[in-house]
Amino acid sequence: MNSKNDITEMHLDVLKEIGNIGAAHAATSLSQLLGQKIDMRVPKVELVTFDEMFDLAGGTEKVVAGIFLRIDGDLTGTMFFVLTIESATQFIRKLTGDVAFTFTDVEDLGMGASALQELGNILSGSYLSALSDFTSLNIYPTVPSLSIDMVGAIVSFGLIEVSQYSDEVIVIETEILQAGKQGVSSLAGHFFLLPDPPSYRTIFSSLGVL
């Protein structure tokens, strides 16, 4: 089950439901952490090429704050949090209380790096906990790593594992929305779950949709 011919619309609908459940739990955790309303929605689940994955994350040359981690357990995969520099700055200021924080020195982010990694821990933990409950699979995240770099560099690193099996990947995309002035939500970033191709069967089998 590694190709477009194996993946049906039913499979993608199941993955979108998984994404919605995970996103709801992660949004609640993040809202509690930041003390402000955060919404997450899953606009799409699709099988894409690596080049299309770069476009989803904002374009190859766009500089972003990327939080990357691997998933281990009954299924394996990769998770990314790709935040705009502006959103990452706001999150760090909120989490650390340092209203003067900027990304002027990416080699020495200090508490900023710890804050973003903690953000990664909380989001991945709540998301994967919901996914584990839904599928009855044991799933757990590795320690997240942080990088301030171009989308191309960050995403390429995460696709190394997948590239051993295929030049396509199933992407569960989640948009992170934060409330702005007059209650208008703005796009703060993206959250991607990329199961390794050998794990497709594990997920669908656990839900009885092989």
C-alpha atoms as a PDB file:
ATOM      1  CA  MET A   1       0.000   0.000   0.000  1.00  0.00           C
ATOM      2  CA  ASN A   2       2.549   2.539  -1.150  1.00  0.00           C
ATOM      3  CA  SER A   3       1.127   3.975  -4.365  1.00  0.00           C
ATOM      4  CA  LYS A   4      -1.758   6.097  -5.612  1.00  0.00           C
ATOM      5  CA  ASN A   5      -3.438   2.971  -6.904  1.00  0.00           C
ATOM      6  CA  ASP A   6      -3.602   1.557  -3.359  1.00  0.00           C
ATOM      7  CA  ILE A   7      -4.933   4.690  -1.642  1.00  0.00           C
ATOM      8  CA  THR A   8      -8.667   5.336  -2.053  1.00  0.00           C
ATOM      9  CA  GLU A   9     -10.833   8.327  -1.156  1.00  0.00           C
ATOM     10  CA  MET A  10     -12.130   6.298   1.806  1.00  0.00           C
ATOM     11  CA  HIS A  11      -8.581   5.964   3.133  1.00  0.00           C
ATOM     12  CA  LEU A  12      -7.996   9.709   2.810  1.00  0.00           C
ATOM     13  CA  ASP A  13     -11.333  10.466   4.518  1.00  0.00           C
ATOM     14  CA  VAL A  14     -10.331   8.242   7.450  1.00  0.00           C
ATOM     15  CA  LEU A  15      -6.996  10.044   7.733  1.00  0.00           C
ATOM     16  CA  LYS A  16      -8.757  13.412   7.661  1.00  0.00           C
ATOM     17  CA  GLU A  17     -10.973  12.320  10.544  1.00  0.00           C
ATOM     18  CA  ILE A  18      -7.861  11.247  12.446  1.00  0.00           C
ATOM     19  CA  GLY A  19      -6.348  14.639  11.706  1.00  0.00           C
ATOM     20  CA  ASN A  20      -9.428  16.483  12.925  1.00  0.00           C
ATOM     21  CA  ILE A  21      -9.471  14.560  16.206  1.00  0.00           C
ATOM     22  CA  GLY A  22      -5.769  15.175  16.782  1.00  0.00           C
ATOM     23  CA  ALA A  23      -6.042  18.835  15.829  1.00  0.00           C
ATOM     24  CA  ALA A  24      -8.928  19.453  18.247  1.00  0.00           C
ATOM     25  CA  HIS A  25      -6.914  18.048  21.155  1.00  0.00           C
ATOM     26  CA  ALA A  26      -3.780  19.951  20.143  1.00  0.00           C
ATOM     27  CA  ALA A  27      -5.702  23.228  19.787  1.00  0.00           C
ATOM     28  CA  THR A  28      -7.124  22.849  23.297  1.00  0.00           C
ATOM     29  CA  SER A  29      -3.663  22.208  24.758  1.00  0.00           C
ATOM     30  CA  LEU A  30      -2.130  25.151  22.899  1.00  0.00           C
ATOM     31  CA  SER A  31      -4.963  27.496  23.888  1.00  0.00           C
ATOM     32  CA  GLN A  32      -4.444  26.586  27.549  1.00  0.00           C
ATOM     33  CA  LEU A  33      -0.691  27.086  27.235  1.00  0.00           C
ATOM     34  CA  LEU A  34      -0.939  30.507  25.598  1.00  0.00           C
ATOM     35  CA  GLY A  35      -4.051  31.753  27.369  1.00  0.00           C
ATOM     36  CA  GLN A  36      -5.636  32.697  24.044  1.00  0.00           C
ATOM     37  CA  LYS A  37      -7.947  31.038  21.559  1.00  0.00           C
ATOM     38  CA  ILE A  38      -6.168  28.860  19.025  1.00  0.00           C
ATOM     39  CA  ASP A  39      -8.053  26.982  16.330  1.00  0.00           C
ATOM     40  CA  MET A  40      -6.792  24.226  14.105  1.00  0.00           C
ATOM     41  CA  ARG A  41      -8.406  22.804  11.021  1.00  0.00           C
ATOM     42  CA  VAL A  42      -7.493  20.071   8.592  1.00  0.00           C
ATOM     43  CA  PRO A  43      -8.123  21.532   5.124  1.00  0.00           C
ATOM     44  CA  LYS A  44      -6.752  18.599   3.184  1.00  0.00           C
ATOM     45  CA  VAL A  45      -5.308  15.123   3.271  1.00  0.00           C
ATOM     46  CA  GLU A  46      -3.660  14.070   0.050  1.00  0.00           C
ATOM     47  CA  LEU A  47      -0.977  12.003  -1.588  1.00  0.00           C
ATOM     48  CA  VAL A  48       1.584  14.481  -2.920  1.00  0.00           C
ATOM     49  CA  THR A  49       4.997  14.557  -4.534  1.00  0.00           C
ATOM     50  CA  PHE A  50       7.949  15.944  -2.590  1.00  0.00           C
ATOM     51  CA  ASP A  51       7.856  19.166  -4.644  1.00  0.00           C
ATOM     52  CA  GLU A  52       4.173  19.605  -3.780  1.00  0.00           C
ATOM     53  CA  MET A  53       5.058  19.090  -0.116  1.00  0.00           C
ATOM     54  CA  PHE A  54       7.462  22.041  -0.294  1.00  0.00           C
ATOM     55  CA  ASP A  55       4.711  24.212  -1.752  1.00  0.00           C
ATOM     56  CA  LEU A  56       2.280  23.216   1.017  1.00  0.00           C
ATOM     57  CA  ALA A  57       4.834  24.315   3.612  1.00  0.00           C
ATOM     58  CA  GLY A  58       5.181  27.772   2.084  1.00  0.00           C
ATOM     59  CA  GLY A  59       7.610  27.442  -0.798  1.00  0.00           C
ATOM     60  CA  THR A  60      11.156  26.078  -0.959  1.00  0.00           C
ATOM     61  CA  GLU A  61      12.971  29.337  -0.228  1.00  0.00           C
ATOM     62  CA  LYS A  62      10.691  30.770   2.473  1.00  0.00           C
ATOM     63  CA  VAL A  63      12.503  31.084   5.815  1.00  0.00           C
ATOM     64  CA  VAL A  64      10.451  29.621   8.667  1.00  0.00           C
ATOM     65  CA  ALA A  65      10.737  28.215  12.163  1.00  0.00           C
ATOM     66  CA  GLY A  66      10.498  24.454  11.808  1.00  0.00           C
ATOM     67  CA  ILE A  67       9.944  21.960  14.614  1.00  0.00           C
ATOM     68  CA  PHE A  68      10.636  18.412  13.495  1.00  0.00           C
ATOM     69  CA  LEU A  69      10.178  15.072  15.233  1.00  0.00           C
ATOM     70  CA  ARG A  70       9.869  11.401  14.426  1.00  0.00           C
ATOM     71  CA  ILE A  71       7.035   9.104  15.507  1.00  0.00           C
ATOM     72  CA  ASP A  72       7.834   5.674  16.898  1.00  0.00           C
ATOM     73  CA  GLY A  73       5.824   2.741  18.217  1.00  0.00           C
ATOM     74  CA  ASP A  74       3.253   0.649  16.355  1.00  0.00           C
ATOM     75  CA  LEU A  75       3.517   3.072  13.457  1.00  0.00           C
ATOM     76  CA  THR A  76       6.294   5.367  12.321  1.00  0.00           C
ATOM     77  CA  GLY A  77       6.334   8.690  10.581  1.00  0.00           C
ATOM     78  CA  THR A  78       7.345  12.320  10.706  1.00  0.00           C
ATOM     79  CA  MET A  79       5.714  15.413  12.146  1.00  0.00           C
ATOM     80  CA  PHE A  80       6.512  19.024  11.236  1.00  0.00           C
ATOM     81  CA  PHE A  81       5.385  22.303  12.713  1.00  0.00           C
ATOM     82  CA  VAL A  82       6.169  25.070  10.245  1.00  0.00           C
ATOM     83  CA  LEU A  83       5.585  28.522  11.688  1.00  0.00           C
ATOM     84  CA  THR A  84       6.109  31.885  10.045  1.00  0.00           C
ATOM     85  CA  ILE A  85       8.885  33.861  11.733  1.00  0.00           C
ATOM     86  CA  GLU A  86       6.277  36.425  12.835  1.00  0.00           C
ATOM     87  CA  SER A  87       4.088  33.780  14.479  1.00  0.00           C
ATOM     88  CA  ALA A  88       7.046  32.039  16.108  1.00  0.00           C
ATOM     89  CA  THR A  89       8.139  35.383  17.547  1.00  0.00           C
ATOM     90  CA  GLN A  90       4.666  36.008  18.985  1.00  0.00           C
ATOM     91  CA  PHE A  91       4.483  32.516  20.498  1.00  0.00           C
ATOM     92  CA  ILE A  92       7.921  32.856  22.101  1.00  0.00           C
ATOM     93  CA  ARG A  93       7.123  36.280  23.550  1.00  0.00           C
ATOM     94  CA  LYS A  94       3.893  34.892  24.991  1.00  0.00           C
ATOM     95  CA  LEU A  95       5.522  31.772  26.446  1.00  0.00           C
ATOM     96  CA  THR A  96       8.642  33.437  27.892  1.00  0.00           C
ATOM     97  CA  GLY A  97       7.272  36.846  28.827  1.00  0.00           C
ATOM     98  CA  ASP A  98      10.144  38.412  26.878  1.00  0.00           C
ATOM     99  CA  VAL A  99       8.316  41.032  24.805  1.00  0.00           C
ATOM    100  CA  ALA A 100      11.588  42.142  23.197  1.00  0.00           C
ATOM    101  CA  PHE A 101      12.475  38.724  21.759  1.00  0.00           C
ATOM    102  CA  THR A 102      13.510  38.655  18.078  1.00  0.00           C
ATOM    103  CA  PHE A 103      15.184  36.194  15.733  1.00  0.00           C
ATOM    104  CA  THR A 104      18.165  38.474  15.108  1.00  0.00           C
ATOM    105  CA  ASP A 105      20.629  35.790  16.258  1.00  0.00           C
ATOM    106  CA  VAL A 106      19.382  32.371  15.164  1.00  0.00           C
ATOM    107  CA  GLU A 107      22.513  30.724  16.560  1.00  0.00           C
ATOM    108  CA  ASP A 108      21.620  31.767  20.108  1.00  0.00           C
ATOM    109  CA  LEU A 109      17.875  31.702  20.632  1.00  0.00           C
ATOM    110  CA  GLY A 110      18.208  30.864  24.327  1.00  0.00           C
ATOM    111  CA  MET A 111      14.824  30.516  25.989  1.00  0.00           C
ATOM    112  CA  GLY A 112      13.183  31.027  22.613  1.00  0.00           C
ATOM    113  CA  ALA A 113      14.431  27.674  21.370  1.00  0.00           C
ATOM    114  CA  SER A 114      13.271  25.942  24.559  1.00  0.00           C
ATOM    115  CA  ALA A 115       9.844  27.565  24.246  1.00  0.00           C
ATOM    116  CA  LEU A 116       9.353  26.374  20.668  1.00  0.00           C
ATOM    117  CA  GLN A 117      10.530  22.866  21.519  1.00  0.00           C
ATOM    118  CA  GLU A 118       8.066  22.796  24.420  1.00  0.00           C
ATOM    119  CA  LEU A 119       5.402  23.924  21.977  1.00  0.00           C
ATOM    120  CA  GLY A 120       6.365  20.954  19.808  1.00  0.00           C
ATOM    121  CA  ASN A 121       6.184  18.587  22.781  1.00  0.00           C
ATOM    122  CA  ILE A 122       2.717  19.737  23.804  1.00  0.00           C
ATOM    123  CA  LEU A 123       1.249  19.752  20.298  1.00  0.00           C
ATOM    124  CA  SER A 124       2.698  16.392  19.286  1.00  0.00           C
ATOM    125  CA  GLY A 125       1.835  14.796  22.618  1.00  0.00           C
ATOM    126  CA  SER A 126      -1.821  15.850  22.556  1.00  0.00           C
ATOM    127  CA  TYR A 127      -2.191  15.071  18.844  1.00  0.00           C
ATOM    128  CA  LEU A 128      -0.616  11.622  19.074  1.00  0.00           C
ATOM    129  CA  SER A 129      -2.502  10.789  22.276  1.00  0.00           C
ATOM    130  CA  ALA A 130      -5.779  11.380  20.441  1.00  0.00           C
ATOM    131  CA  LEU A 131      -4.527   9.366  17.471  1.00  0.00           C
ATOM    132  CA  SER A 132      -3.483   6.528  19.769  1.00  0.00           C
ATOM    133  CA  ASP A 133      -6.885   6.455  21.488  1.00  0.00           C
ATOM    134  CA  PHE A 134      -8.685   6.443  18.135  1.00  0.00           C
ATOM    135  CA  THR A 135      -6.608   3.653  16.576  1.00  0.00           C
ATOM    136  CA  SER A 136      -5.714   1.675  19.750  1.00  0.00           C
ATOM    137  CA  LEU A 137      -2.080   1.805  18.609  1.00  0.00           C
ATOM    138  CA  ASN A 138       0.901   2.644  20.799  1.00  0.00           C
ATOM    139  CA  ILE A 139       2.389   5.829  19.344  1.00  0.00           C
ATOM    140  CA  TYR A 140       4.891   8.207  20.859  1.00  0.00           C
ATOM    141  CA  PRO A 141       7.026  11.138  19.667  1.00  0.00           C
ATOM    142  CA  THR A 142      10.780  11.567  19.791  1.00  0.00           C
ATOM    143  CA  VAL A 143      12.323  14.735  21.232  1.00  0.00           C
ATOM    144  CA  PRO A 144      11.588  17.600  18.808  1.00  0.00           C
ATOM    145  CA  SER A 145      14.386  19.487  17.089  1.00  0.00           C
ATOM    146  CA  LEU A 146      14.203  23.134  16.049  1.00  0.00           C
ATOM    147  CA  SER A 147      15.557  24.765  12.926  1.00  0.00           C
ATOM    148  CA  ILE A 148      15.331  28.281  11.509  1.00  0.00           C
ATOM    149  CA  ASP A 149      15.916  27.729   7.822  1.00  0.00           C
ATOM    150  CA  MET A 150      14.355  27.627   4.395  1.00  0.00           C
ATOM    151  CA  VAL A 151      11.372  25.311   3.931  1.00  0.00           C
ATOM    152  CA  GLY A 152      13.335  23.264   1.404  1.00  0.00           C
ATOM    153  CA  ALA A 153      16.080  22.403   3.880  1.00  0.00           C
ATOM    154  CA  ILE A 154      13.750  21.618   6.786  1.00  0.00           C
ATOM    155  CA  VAL A 155      11.277  19.482   4.841  1.00  0.00           C
ATOM    156  CA  SER A 156      13.983  17.653   2.849  1.00  0.00           C
ATOM    157  CA  PHE A 157      15.503  16.411   6.099  1.00  0.00           C
ATOM    158  CA  GLY A 158      12.157  15.007   7.203  1.00  0.00           C
ATOM    159  CA  LEU A 159      11.544  13.285   3.880  1.00  0.00           C
ATOM    160  CA  ILE A 160      14.740  11.213   4.025  1.00  0.00           C
ATOM    161  CA  GLU A 161      12.944   8.251   5.631  1.00  0.00           C
ATOM    162  CA  VAL A 162       9.985   8.375   3.259  1.00  0.00           C
ATOM    163  CA  SER A 163      12.241   8.589   0.190  1.00  0.00           C
ATOM    164  CA  GLN A 164      13.439   5.038   0.858  1.00  0.00           C
ATOM    165  CA  TYR A 165       9.973   3.783  -0.113  1.00  0.00           C
ATOM    166  CA  SER A 166       8.405   6.289  -2.475  1.00  0.00           C
ATOM    167  CA  ASP A 167       8.649   9.692  -4.145  1.00  0.00           C
ATOM    168  CA  GLU A 168       5.185  10.510  -2.820  1.00  0.00           C
ATOM    169  CA  VAL A 169       3.860  10.953   0.692  1.00  0.00           C
ATOM    170  CA  ILE A 170       0.458  11.153   2.364  1.00  0.00           C
ATOM    171  CA  VAL A 171       0.209  14.530   4.070  1.00  0.00           C
ATOM    172  CA  ILE A 172      -2.271  15.325   6.829  1.00  0.00           C
ATOM    173  CA  GLU A 173      -2.113  19.118   6.827  1.00  0.00           C
ATOM    174  CA  THR A 174      -3.344  21.163   9.784  1.00  0.00           C
ATOM    175  CA  GLU A 175      -3.611  24.943   9.726  1.00  0.00           C
ATOM    176  CA  ILE A 176      -2.885  26.736  13.012  1.00  0.00           C
ATOM    177  CA  LEU A 177      -5.106  29.794  13.384  1.00  0.00           C
ATOM    178  CA  GLN A 178      -4.823  32.421  16.089  1.00  0.00           C
ATOM    179  CA  ALA A 179      -7.365  35.078  16.945  1.00  0.00           C
ATOM    180  CA  GLY A 180      -6.355  38.595  15.979  1.00  0.00           C
ATOM    181  CA  LYS A 181      -7.993  42.006  16.202  1.00  0.00           C
ATOM    182  CA  GLN A 182     -11.797  42.044  16.053  1.00  0.00           C
ATOM    183  CA  GLY A 183     -11.668  38.263  16.437  1.00  0.00           C
ATOM    184  CA  VAL A 184     -10.342  37.691  12.927  1.00  0.00           C
ATOM    185  CA  SER A 185      -8.172  34.575  12.726  1.00  0.00           C
ATOM    186  CA  SER A 186      -4.839  34.655  10.947  1.00  0.00           C
ATOM    187  CA  LEU A 187      -2.767  31.747   9.698  1.00  0.00           C
ATOM    188  CA  ALA A 188       0.066  31.190  12.159  1.00  0.00           C
ATOM    189  CA  GLY A 189       1.559  28.156  10.469  1.00  0.00           C
ATOM    190  CA  HIS A 190       1.116  24.560   9.413  1.00  0.00           C
ATOM    191  CA  PHE A 191       1.342  21.227  11.119  1.00  0.00           C
ATOM    192  CA  PHE A 192       2.052  18.153   9.000  1.00  0.00           C
ATOM    193  CA  LEU A 193       1.779  14.470   9.819  1.00  0.00           C
ATOM    194  CA  LEU A 194       3.535  12.194   7.319  1.00  0.00           C
ATOM    195  CA  PRO A 195       3.138   8.481   8.094  1.00  0.00           C
ATOM    196  CA  ASP A 196       5.902   6.305   6.652  1.00  0.00           C
ATOM    197  CA  PRO A 197       4.464   4.266   3.729  1.00  0.00           C
ATOM    198  CA  PRO A 198       4.834   0.907   5.562  1.00  0.00           C
ATOM    199  CA  SER A 199       2.584   2.340   8.298  1.00  0.00           C
ATOM    200  CA  TYR A 200      -0.358   2.999   5.971  1.00  0.00           C
ATOM    201  CA  ARG A 201      -1.506  -0.600   6.296  1.00  0.00           C
ATOM    202  CA  THR A 202      -1.095  -0.498  10.091  1.00  0.00           C
ATOM    203  CA  ILE A 203      -3.327   2.569  10.396  1.00  0.00           C
ATOM    204  CA  PHE A 204      -6.044   1.339   8.047  1.00  0.00           C
ATOM    205  CA  SER A 205      -5.999  -2.178   9.494  1.00  0.00           C
ATOM    206  CA  SER A 206      -6.484  -0.803  13.023  1.00  0.00           C
ATOM    207  CA  LEU A 207      -9.611   0.981  11.786  1.00  0.00           C
ATOM    208  CA  GLY A 208     -10.930  -1.879   9.667  1.00  0.00           C
ATOM    209  CA  VAL A 209     -10.718  -0.064   6.343  1.00  0.00           C
ATOM    210  CA  LEU A 210      -8.132  -2.138   4.446  1.00  0.00           C
END
